[in-house]
Amino acid sequence: MKQFQLVFEKLWGSAGLRQSAILVVGSLFSMAISAVAIILISRILGPTAFGLFGIGLAVSLMLNRIHDFGLNFAIQKYVSQSQDK
């Protein structure tokens, strides 16, 4: 148990692991809020209106993917490469 605690303390001391943990917690929190919002929206709108909402959401997400053209990934790649130099 003591070895596990020492390894945990060593790992938690690294900035990368700490930032990754913050990112994971933030993502989980965001997913929880989204789940609650979808439940509330479905209750408020009813089946027919929620179906239309779902279709509109799906179309907007597909258009967003097409509109992006991978630009976010390219920016991340080139920024990370320029910071390494």
PDB file of N, CA and C in Angstrom:
ATOM      1  N   MET A   1       0.827  -1.193   0.000  1.00  0.00           N
ATOM      2  CA  MET A   1       0.000   0.000   0.000  1.00  0.00           C
ATOM      3  C   MET A   1       0.866   1.249   0.000  1.00  0.00           C
ATOM      4  N   LYS A   2       1.959   1.194   0.744  1.00  0.00           N
ATOM      5  CA  LYS A   2       2.852   2.348   0.825  1.00  0.00           C
ATOM      6  C   LYS A   2       3.491   2.621  -0.536  1.00  0.00           C
ATOM      7  N   GLN A   3       3.837   1.542  -1.279  1.00  0.00           N
ATOM      8  CA  GLN A   3       4.432   1.728  -2.599  1.00  0.00           C
ATOM      9  C   GLN A   3       3.432   2.388  -3.550  1.00  0.00           C
ATOM     10  N   PHE A   4       2.178   1.960  -3.471  1.00  0.00           N
ATOM     11  CA  PHE A   4       1.140   2.559  -4.302  1.00  0.00           C
ATOM     12  C   PHE A   4       0.998   4.041  -3.994  1.00  0.00           C
ATOM     13  N   GLN A   5       1.040   4.382  -2.730  1.00  0.00           N
ATOM     14  CA  GLN A   5       0.908   5.772  -2.323  1.00  0.00           C
ATOM     15  C   GLN A   5       2.089   6.597  -2.833  1.00  0.00           C
ATOM     16  N   LEU A   6       3.302   6.046  -2.791  1.00  0.00           N
ATOM     17  CA  LEU A   6       4.470   6.762  -3.290  1.00  0.00           C
ATOM     18  C   LEU A   6       4.390   6.976  -4.801  1.00  0.00           C
ATOM     19  N   VAL A   7       3.958   5.944  -5.509  1.00  0.00           N
ATOM     20  CA  VAL A   7       3.815   6.064  -6.962  1.00  0.00           C
ATOM     21  C   VAL A   7       2.737   7.088  -7.297  1.00  0.00           C
ATOM     22  N   PHE A   8       1.621   7.051  -6.575  1.00  0.00           N
ATOM     23  CA  PHE A   8       0.539   8.006  -6.809  1.00  0.00           C
ATOM     24  C   PHE A   8       1.005   9.431  -6.563  1.00  0.00           C
ATOM     25  N   GLU A   9       1.739   9.653  -5.485  1.00  0.00           N
ATOM     26  CA  GLU A   9       2.228  10.997  -5.184  1.00  0.00           C
ATOM     27  C   GLU A   9       3.204  11.477  -6.248  1.00  0.00           C
ATOM     28  N   LYS A  10       4.041  10.572  -6.745  1.00  0.00           N
ATOM     29  CA  LYS A  10       4.993  10.938  -7.790  1.00  0.00           C
ATOM     30  C   LYS A  10       4.270  11.293  -9.083  1.00  0.00           C
ATOM     31  N   LEU A  11       3.271  10.472  -9.443  1.00  0.00           N
ATOM     32  CA  LEU A  11       2.516  10.745 -10.660  1.00  0.00           C
ATOM     33  C   LEU A  11       1.700  12.021 -10.537  1.00  0.00           C
ATOM     34  N   TRP A  12       1.080  12.237  -9.398  1.00  0.00           N
ATOM     35  CA  TRP A  12       0.238  13.414  -9.218  1.00  0.00           C
ATOM     36  C   TRP A  12       1.076  14.687  -9.241  1.00  0.00           C
ATOM     37  N   GLY A  13       2.358  14.565  -8.973  1.00  0.00           N
ATOM     38  CA  GLY A  13       3.236  15.722  -9.016  1.00  0.00           C
ATOM     39  C   GLY A  13       3.530  16.202 -10.429  1.00  0.00           C
ATOM     40  N   SER A  14       3.289  15.352 -11.434  1.00  0.00           N
ATOM     41  CA  SER A  14       3.572  15.766 -12.809  1.00  0.00           C
ATOM     42  C   SER A  14       2.455  16.682 -13.310  1.00  0.00           C
ATOM     43  N   ALA A  15       2.856  17.717 -14.030  1.00  0.00           N
ATOM     44  CA  ALA A  15       1.886  18.691 -14.527  1.00  0.00           C
ATOM     45  C   ALA A  15       0.963  18.069 -15.566  1.00  0.00           C
ATOM     46  N   GLY A  16       1.494  17.182 -16.402  1.00  0.00           N
ATOM     47  CA  GLY A  16       0.675  16.573 -17.448  1.00  0.00           C
ATOM     48  C   GLY A  16      -0.463  15.738 -16.896  1.00  0.00           C
ATOM     49  N   LEU A  17      -0.169  14.945 -15.872  1.00  0.00           N
ATOM     50  CA  LEU A  17      -1.217  14.116 -15.276  1.00  0.00           C
ATOM     51  C   LEU A  17      -2.265  14.976 -14.574  1.00  0.00           C
ATOM     52  N   ARG A  18      -1.825  16.002 -13.895  1.00  0.00           N
ATOM     53  CA  ARG A  18      -2.759  16.885 -13.199  1.00  0.00           C
ATOM     54  C   ARG A  18      -3.679  17.578 -14.204  1.00  0.00           C
ATOM     55  N   GLN A  19      -3.114  18.058 -15.310  1.00  0.00           N
ATOM     56  CA  GLN A  19      -3.924  18.723 -16.328  1.00  0.00           C
ATOM     57  C   GLN A  19      -4.872  17.742 -17.014  1.00  0.00           C
ATOM     58  N   SER A  20      -4.411  16.511 -17.220  1.00  0.00           N
ATOM     59  CA  SER A  20      -5.280  15.493 -17.804  1.00  0.00           C
ATOM     60  C   SER A  20      -6.451  15.172 -16.881  1.00  0.00           C
ATOM     61  N   ALA A  21      -6.182  15.100 -15.592  1.00  0.00           N
ATOM     62  CA  ALA A  21      -7.250  14.837 -14.621  1.00  0.00           C
ATOM     63  C   ALA A  21      -8.276  15.962 -14.622  1.00  0.00           C
ATOM     64  N   ILE A  22      -7.813  17.192 -14.713  1.00  0.00           N
ATOM     65  CA  ILE A  22      -8.733  18.331 -14.770  1.00  0.00           C
ATOM     66  C   ILE A  22      -9.582  18.258 -16.032  1.00  0.00           C
ATOM     67  N   LEU A  23      -8.961  17.877 -17.144  1.00  0.00           N
ATOM     68  CA  LEU A  23      -9.690  17.751 -18.402  1.00  0.00           C
ATOM     69  C   LEU A  23     -10.745  16.655 -18.332  1.00  0.00           C
ATOM     70  N   VAL A  24     -10.412  15.527 -17.731  1.00  0.00           N
ATOM     71  CA  VAL A  24     -11.360  14.425 -17.598  1.00  0.00           C
ATOM     72  C   VAL A  24     -12.533  14.824 -16.714  1.00  0.00           C
ATOM     73  N   VAL A  25     -12.252  15.469 -15.596  1.00  0.00           N
ATOM     74  CA  VAL A  25     -13.316  15.906 -14.693  1.00  0.00           C
ATOM     75  C   VAL A  25     -14.218  16.927 -15.392  1.00  0.00           C
ATOM     76  N   GLY A  26     -13.622  17.840 -16.129  1.00  0.00           N
ATOM     77  CA  GLY A  26     -14.411  18.821 -16.869  1.00  0.00           C
ATOM     78  C   GLY A  26     -15.283  18.177 -17.927  1.00  0.00           C
ATOM     79  N   SER A  27     -14.742  17.180 -18.620  1.00  0.00           N
ATOM     80  CA  SER A  27     -15.522  16.474 -19.645  1.00  0.00           C
ATOM     81  C   SER A  27     -16.687  15.712 -19.015  1.00  0.00           C
ATOM     82  N   LEU A  28     -16.439  15.052 -17.892  1.00  0.00           N
ATOM     83  CA  LEU A  28     -17.517  14.337 -17.201  1.00  0.00           C
ATOM     84  C   LEU A  28     -18.608  15.296 -16.732  1.00  0.00           C
ATOM     85  N   PHE A  29     -18.209  16.437 -16.217  1.00  0.00           N
ATOM     86  CA  PHE A  29     -19.167  17.447 -15.762  1.00  0.00           C
ATOM     87  C   PHE A  29     -19.997  17.957 -16.943  1.00  0.00           C
ATOM     88  N   SER A  30     -19.341  18.193 -18.070  1.00  0.00           N
ATOM     89  CA  SER A  30     -20.035  18.659 -19.271  1.00  0.00           C
ATOM     90  C   SER A  30     -21.031  17.615 -19.774  1.00  0.00           C
ATOM     91  N   MET A  31     -20.625  16.350 -19.762  1.00  0.00           N
ATOM     92  CA  MET A  31     -21.531  15.285 -20.195  1.00  0.00           C
ATOM     93  C   MET A  31     -22.729  15.158 -19.270  1.00  0.00           C
ATOM     94  N   ALA A  32     -22.514  15.333 -17.970  1.00  0.00           N
ATOM     95  CA  ALA A  32     -23.625  15.254 -17.015  1.00  0.00           C
ATOM     96  C   ALA A  32     -24.621  16.382 -17.250  1.00  0.00           C
ATOM     97  N   ILE A  33     -24.115  17.581 -17.474  1.00  0.00           N
ATOM     98  CA  ILE A  33     -25.001  18.723 -17.739  1.00  0.00           C
ATOM     99  C   ILE A  33     -25.776  18.496 -19.032  1.00  0.00           C
ATOM    100  N   SER A  34     -25.101  17.968 -20.059  1.00  0.00           N
ATOM    101  CA  SER A  34     -25.774  17.694 -21.331  1.00  0.00           C
ATOM    102  C   SER A  34     -26.875  16.646 -21.161  1.00  0.00           C
ATOM    103  N   ALA A  35     -26.606  15.616 -20.391  1.00  0.00           N
ATOM    104  CA  ALA A  35     -27.606  14.578 -20.167  1.00  0.00           C
ATOM    105  C   ALA A  35     -28.836  15.140 -19.464  1.00  0.00           C
ATOM    106  N   VAL A  36     -28.621  15.948 -18.454  1.00  0.00           N
ATOM    107  CA  VAL A  36     -29.743  16.570 -17.731  1.00  0.00           C
ATOM    108  C   VAL A  36     -30.520  17.501 -18.658  1.00  0.00           C
ATOM    109  N   ALA A  37     -29.796  18.256 -19.487  1.00  0.00           N
ATOM    110  CA  ALA A  37     -30.463  19.183 -20.410  1.00  0.00           C
ATOM    111  C   ALA A  37     -31.324  18.428 -21.418  1.00  0.00           C
ATOM    112  N   ILE A  38     -30.815  17.320 -21.954  1.00  0.00           N
ATOM    113  CA  ILE A  38     -31.593  16.536 -22.920  1.00  0.00           C
ATOM    114  C   ILE A  38     -32.848  15.963 -22.259  1.00  0.00           C
ATOM    115  N   ILE A  39     -32.709  15.498 -21.040  1.00  0.00           N
ATOM    116  CA  ILE A  39     -33.879  14.969 -20.324  1.00  0.00           C
ATOM    117  C   ILE A  39     -34.921  16.063 -20.118  1.00  0.00           C
ATOM    118  N   LEU A  40     -34.479  17.229 -19.683  1.00  0.00           N
ATOM    119  CA  LEU A  40     -35.420  18.334 -19.474  1.00  0.00           C
ATOM    120  C   LEU A  40     -36.061  18.791 -20.771  1.00  0.00           C
ATOM    121  N   ILE A  41     -35.269  18.900 -21.826  1.00  0.00           N
ATOM    122  CA  ILE A  41     -35.806  19.332 -23.114  1.00  0.00           C
ATOM    123  C   ILE A  41     -36.839  18.328 -23.625  1.00  0.00           C
ATOM    124  N   SER A  42     -36.548  17.037 -23.467  1.00  0.00           N
ATOM    125  CA  SER A  42     -37.505  16.025 -23.936  1.00  0.00           C
ATOM    126  C   SER A  42     -38.802  16.077 -23.145  1.00  0.00           C
ATOM    127  N   ARG A  43     -38.709  16.341 -21.864  1.00  0.00           N
ATOM    128  CA  ARG A  43     -39.937  16.432 -21.036  1.00  0.00           C
ATOM    129  C   ARG A  43     -40.761  17.666 -21.401  1.00  0.00           C
ATOM    130  N   ILE A  44     -40.066  18.767 -21.663  1.00  0.00           N
ATOM    131  CA  ILE A  44     -40.769  20.023 -21.960  1.00  0.00           C
ATOM    132  C   ILE A  44     -41.407  19.988 -23.347  1.00  0.00           C
ATOM    133  N   LEU A  45     -40.681  19.473 -24.344  1.00  0.00           N
ATOM    134  CA  LEU A  45     -41.160  19.532 -25.725  1.00  0.00           C
ATOM    135  C   LEU A  45     -42.185  18.471 -26.065  1.00  0.00           C
ATOM    136  N   GLY A  46     -42.066  17.310 -25.479  1.00  0.00           N
ATOM    137  CA  GLY A  46     -42.963  16.210 -25.857  1.00  0.00           C
ATOM    138  C   GLY A  46     -42.359  15.425 -27.006  1.00  0.00           C
ATOM    139  N   PRO A  47     -42.972  14.289 -27.349  1.00  0.00           N
ATOM    140  CA  PRO A  47     -42.365  13.387 -28.329  1.00  0.00           C
ATOM    141  C   PRO A  47     -42.208  13.985 -29.737  1.00  0.00           C
ATOM    142  N   THR A  48     -43.238  14.627 -30.246  1.00  0.00           N
ATOM    143  CA  THR A  48     -43.184  15.137 -31.618  1.00  0.00           C
ATOM    144  C   THR A  48     -42.175  16.275 -31.745  1.00  0.00           C
ATOM    145  N   ALA A  49     -42.265  17.249 -30.874  1.00  0.00           N
ATOM    146  CA  ALA A  49     -41.352  18.394 -30.939  1.00  0.00           C
ATOM    147  C   ALA A  49     -39.921  17.970 -30.621  1.00  0.00           C
ATOM    148  N   PHE A  50     -39.770  17.002 -29.736  1.00  0.00           N
ATOM    149  CA  PHE A  50     -38.416  16.535 -29.431  1.00  0.00           C
ATOM    150  C   PHE A  50     -37.823  15.783 -30.619  1.00  0.00           C
ATOM    151  N   GLY A  51     -38.643  15.076 -31.374  1.00  0.00           N
ATOM    152  CA  GLY A  51     -38.173  14.425 -32.593  1.00  0.00           C
ATOM    153  C   GLY A  51     -37.669  15.437 -33.603  1.00  0.00           C
ATOM    154  N   LEU A  52     -38.426  16.525 -33.764  1.00  0.00           N
ATOM    155  CA  LEU A  52     -37.979  17.597 -34.656  1.00  0.00           C
ATOM    156  C   LEU A  52     -36.693  18.247 -34.133  1.00  0.00           C
ATOM    157  N   PHE A  53     -36.618  18.423 -32.843  1.00  0.00           N
ATOM    158  CA  PHE A  53     -35.398  18.969 -32.231  1.00  0.00           C
ATOM    159  C   PHE A  53     -34.209  18.047 -32.500  1.00  0.00           C
ATOM    160  N   GLY A  54     -34.411  16.744 -32.371  1.00  0.00           N
ATOM    161  CA  GLY A  54     -33.341  15.785 -32.624  1.00  0.00           C
ATOM    162  C   GLY A  54     -32.869  15.811 -34.066  1.00  0.00           C
ATOM    163  N   ILE A  55     -33.810  15.923 -35.002  1.00  0.00           N
ATOM    164  CA  ILE A  55     -33.436  16.008 -36.411  1.00  0.00           C
ATOM    165  C   ILE A  55     -32.634  17.279 -36.668  1.00  0.00           C
ATOM    166  N   GLY A  56     -33.107  18.387 -36.129  1.00  0.00           N
ATOM    167  CA  GLY A  56     -32.381  19.653 -36.305  1.00  0.00           C
ATOM    168  C   GLY A  56     -30.995  19.609 -35.691  1.00  0.00           C
ATOM    169  N   LEU A  57     -30.880  18.996 -34.531  1.00  0.00           N
ATOM    170  CA  LEU A  57     -29.583  18.874 -33.875  1.00  0.00           C
ATOM    171  C   LEU A  57     -28.638  18.002 -34.690  1.00  0.00           C
ATOM    172  N   ALA A  58     -29.152  16.905 -35.210  1.00  0.00           N
ATOM    173  CA  ALA A  58     -28.317  16.013 -36.020  1.00  0.00           C
ATOM    174  C   ALA A  58     -27.825  16.711 -37.283  1.00  0.00           C
ATOM    175  N   VAL A  59     -28.701  17.436 -37.942  1.00  0.00           N
ATOM    176  CA  VAL A  59     -28.311  18.161 -39.158  1.00  0.00           C
ATOM    177  C   VAL A  59     -27.264  19.219 -38.834  1.00  0.00           C
ATOM    178  N   SER A  60     -27.479  19.956 -37.758  1.00  0.00           N
ATOM    179  CA  SER A  60     -26.509  21.001 -37.415  1.00  0.00           C
ATOM    180  C   SER A  60     -25.151  20.412 -37.043  1.00  0.00           C
ATOM    181  N   LEU A  61     -25.134  19.265 -36.380  1.00  0.00           N
ATOM    182  CA  LEU A  61     -23.855  18.628 -36.047  1.00  0.00           C
ATOM    183  C   LEU A  61     -23.137  18.128 -37.292  1.00  0.00           C
ATOM    184  N   MET A  62     -23.903  17.580 -38.251  1.00  0.00           N
ATOM    185  CA  MET A  62     -23.278  17.138 -39.505  1.00  0.00           C
ATOM    186  C   MET A  62     -22.724  18.317 -40.294  1.00  0.00           C
ATOM    187  N   LEU A  63     -23.476  19.399 -40.360  1.00  0.00           N
ATOM    188  CA  LEU A  63     -22.996  20.581 -41.069  1.00  0.00           C
ATOM    189  C   LEU A  63     -21.773  21.184 -40.388  1.00  0.00           C
ATOM    190  N   ASN A  64     -21.736  21.112 -39.080  1.00  0.00           N
ATOM    191  CA  ASN A  64     -20.578  21.612 -38.354  1.00  0.00           C
ATOM    192  C   ASN A  64     -19.333  20.807 -38.704  1.00  0.00           C
ATOM    193  N   ARG A  65     -19.469  19.488 -38.816  1.00  0.00           N
ATOM    194  CA  ARG A  65     -18.345  18.621 -39.200  1.00  0.00           C
ATOM    195  C   ARG A  65     -17.866  18.956 -40.607  1.00  0.00           C
ATOM    196  N   ILE A  66     -18.811  19.145 -41.515  1.00  0.00           N
ATOM    197  CA  ILE A  66     -18.447  19.471 -42.891  1.00  0.00           C
ATOM    198  C   ILE A  66     -17.788  20.846 -42.949  1.00  0.00           C
ATOM    199  N   HIS A  67     -18.318  21.784 -42.207  1.00  0.00           N
ATOM    200  CA  HIS A  67     -17.804  23.152 -42.205  1.00  0.00           C
ATOM    201  C   HIS A  67     -16.390  23.223 -41.647  1.00  0.00           C
ATOM    202  N   ASP A  68     -16.082  22.384 -40.698  1.00  0.00           N
ATOM    203  CA  ASP A  68     -14.784  22.432 -40.024  1.00  0.00           C
ATOM    204  C   ASP A  68     -13.647  22.010 -40.952  1.00  0.00           C
ATOM    205  N   PHE A  69     -13.861  21.022 -41.800  1.00  0.00           N
ATOM    206  CA  PHE A  69     -12.855  20.521 -42.735  1.00  0.00           C
ATOM    207  C   PHE A  69     -11.560  20.109 -42.047  1.00  0.00           C
ATOM    208  N   GLY A  70     -11.626  19.728 -40.777  1.00  0.00           N
ATOM    209  CA  GLY A  70     -10.412  19.296 -40.076  1.00  0.00           C
ATOM    210  C   GLY A  70      -9.495  20.428 -39.669  1.00  0.00           C
ATOM    211  N   LEU A  71      -9.990  21.644 -39.712  1.00  0.00           N
ATOM    212  CA  LEU A  71      -9.143  22.798 -39.395  1.00  0.00           C
ATOM    213  C   LEU A  71      -8.663  22.769 -37.948  1.00  0.00           C
ATOM    214  N   ASN A  72      -9.519  22.346 -37.031  1.00  0.00           N
ATOM    215  CA  ASN A  72      -9.115  22.289 -35.625  1.00  0.00           C
ATOM    216  C   ASN A  72      -7.938  21.348 -35.419  1.00  0.00           C
ATOM    217  N   PHE A  73      -7.979  20.186 -36.073  1.00  0.00           N
ATOM    218  CA  PHE A  73      -6.882  19.226 -35.942  1.00  0.00           C
ATOM    219  C   PHE A  73      -5.597  19.770 -36.549  1.00  0.00           C
ATOM    220  N   ALA A  74      -5.710  20.454 -37.681  1.00  0.00           N
ATOM    221  CA  ALA A  74      -4.525  21.026 -38.323  1.00  0.00           C
ATOM    222  C   ALA A  74      -3.901  22.105 -37.438  1.00  0.00           C
ATOM    223  N   ILE A  75      -4.724  22.929 -36.845  1.00  0.00           N
ATOM    224  CA  ILE A  75      -4.211  23.988 -35.966  1.00  0.00           C
ATOM    225  C   ILE A  75      -3.506  23.373 -34.774  1.00  0.00           C
ATOM    226  N   GLN A  76      -4.100  22.366 -34.160  1.00  0.00           N
ATOM    227  CA  GLN A  76      -3.465  21.711 -33.015  1.00  0.00           C
ATOM    228  C   GLN A  76      -2.126  21.102 -33.401  1.00  0.00           C
ATOM    229  N   LYS A  77      -2.072  20.486 -34.557  1.00  0.00           N
ATOM    230  CA  LYS A  77      -0.844  19.832 -34.997  1.00  0.00           C
ATOM    231  C   LYS A  77       0.260  20.857 -35.228  1.00  0.00           C
ATOM    232  N   TYR A  78      -0.028  21.906 -35.957  1.00  0.00           N
ATOM    233  CA  TYR A  78       1.011  22.876 -36.298  1.00  0.00           C
ATOM    234  C   TYR A  78       1.421  23.736 -35.116  1.00  0.00           C
ATOM    235  N   VAL A  79       0.510  24.040 -34.226  1.00  0.00           N
ATOM    236  CA  VAL A  79       0.864  24.792 -33.026  1.00  0.00           C
ATOM    237  C   VAL A  79       1.759  23.960 -32.123  1.00  0.00           C
ATOM    238  N   SER A  80       1.425  22.680 -31.962  1.00  0.00           N
ATOM    239  CA  SER A  80       2.249  21.826 -31.108  1.00  0.00           C
ATOM    240  C   SER A  80       3.631  21.612 -31.721  1.00  0.00           C
ATOM    241  N   GLN A  81       3.710  21.520 -33.045  1.00  0.00           N
ATOM    242  CA  GLN A  81       5.010  21.362 -33.687  1.00  0.00           C
ATOM    243  C   GLN A  81       5.849  22.625 -33.557  1.00  0.00           C
ATOM    244  N   SER A  82       5.221  23.780 -33.665  1.00  0.00           N
ATOM    245  CA  SER A  82       5.992  25.030 -33.571  1.00  0.00           C
ATOM    246  C   SER A  82       6.462  25.281 -32.137  1.00  0.00           C
ATOM    247  N   GLN A  83       5.746  24.772 -31.132  1.00  0.00           N
ATOM    248  CA  GLN A  83       6.167  24.952 -29.750  1.00  0.00           C
ATOM    249  C   GLN A  83       7.299  24.009 -29.390  1.00  0.00           C
ATOM    250  N   ASP A  84       7.426  22.882 -30.113  1.00  0.00           N
ATOM    251  CA  ASP A  84       8.499  21.942 -29.843  1.00  0.00           C
ATOM    252  C   ASP A  84       9.843  22.462 -30.303  1.00  0.00           C
ATOM    253  N   LYS A  85       9.851  23.351 -31.256  1.00  0.00           N
ATOM    254  CA  LYS A  85      11.119  23.850 -31.813  1.00  0.00           C
ATOM    255  C   LYS A  85      11.771  24.895 -30.955  1.00  0.00           C
TER     256      LYS A  85
END
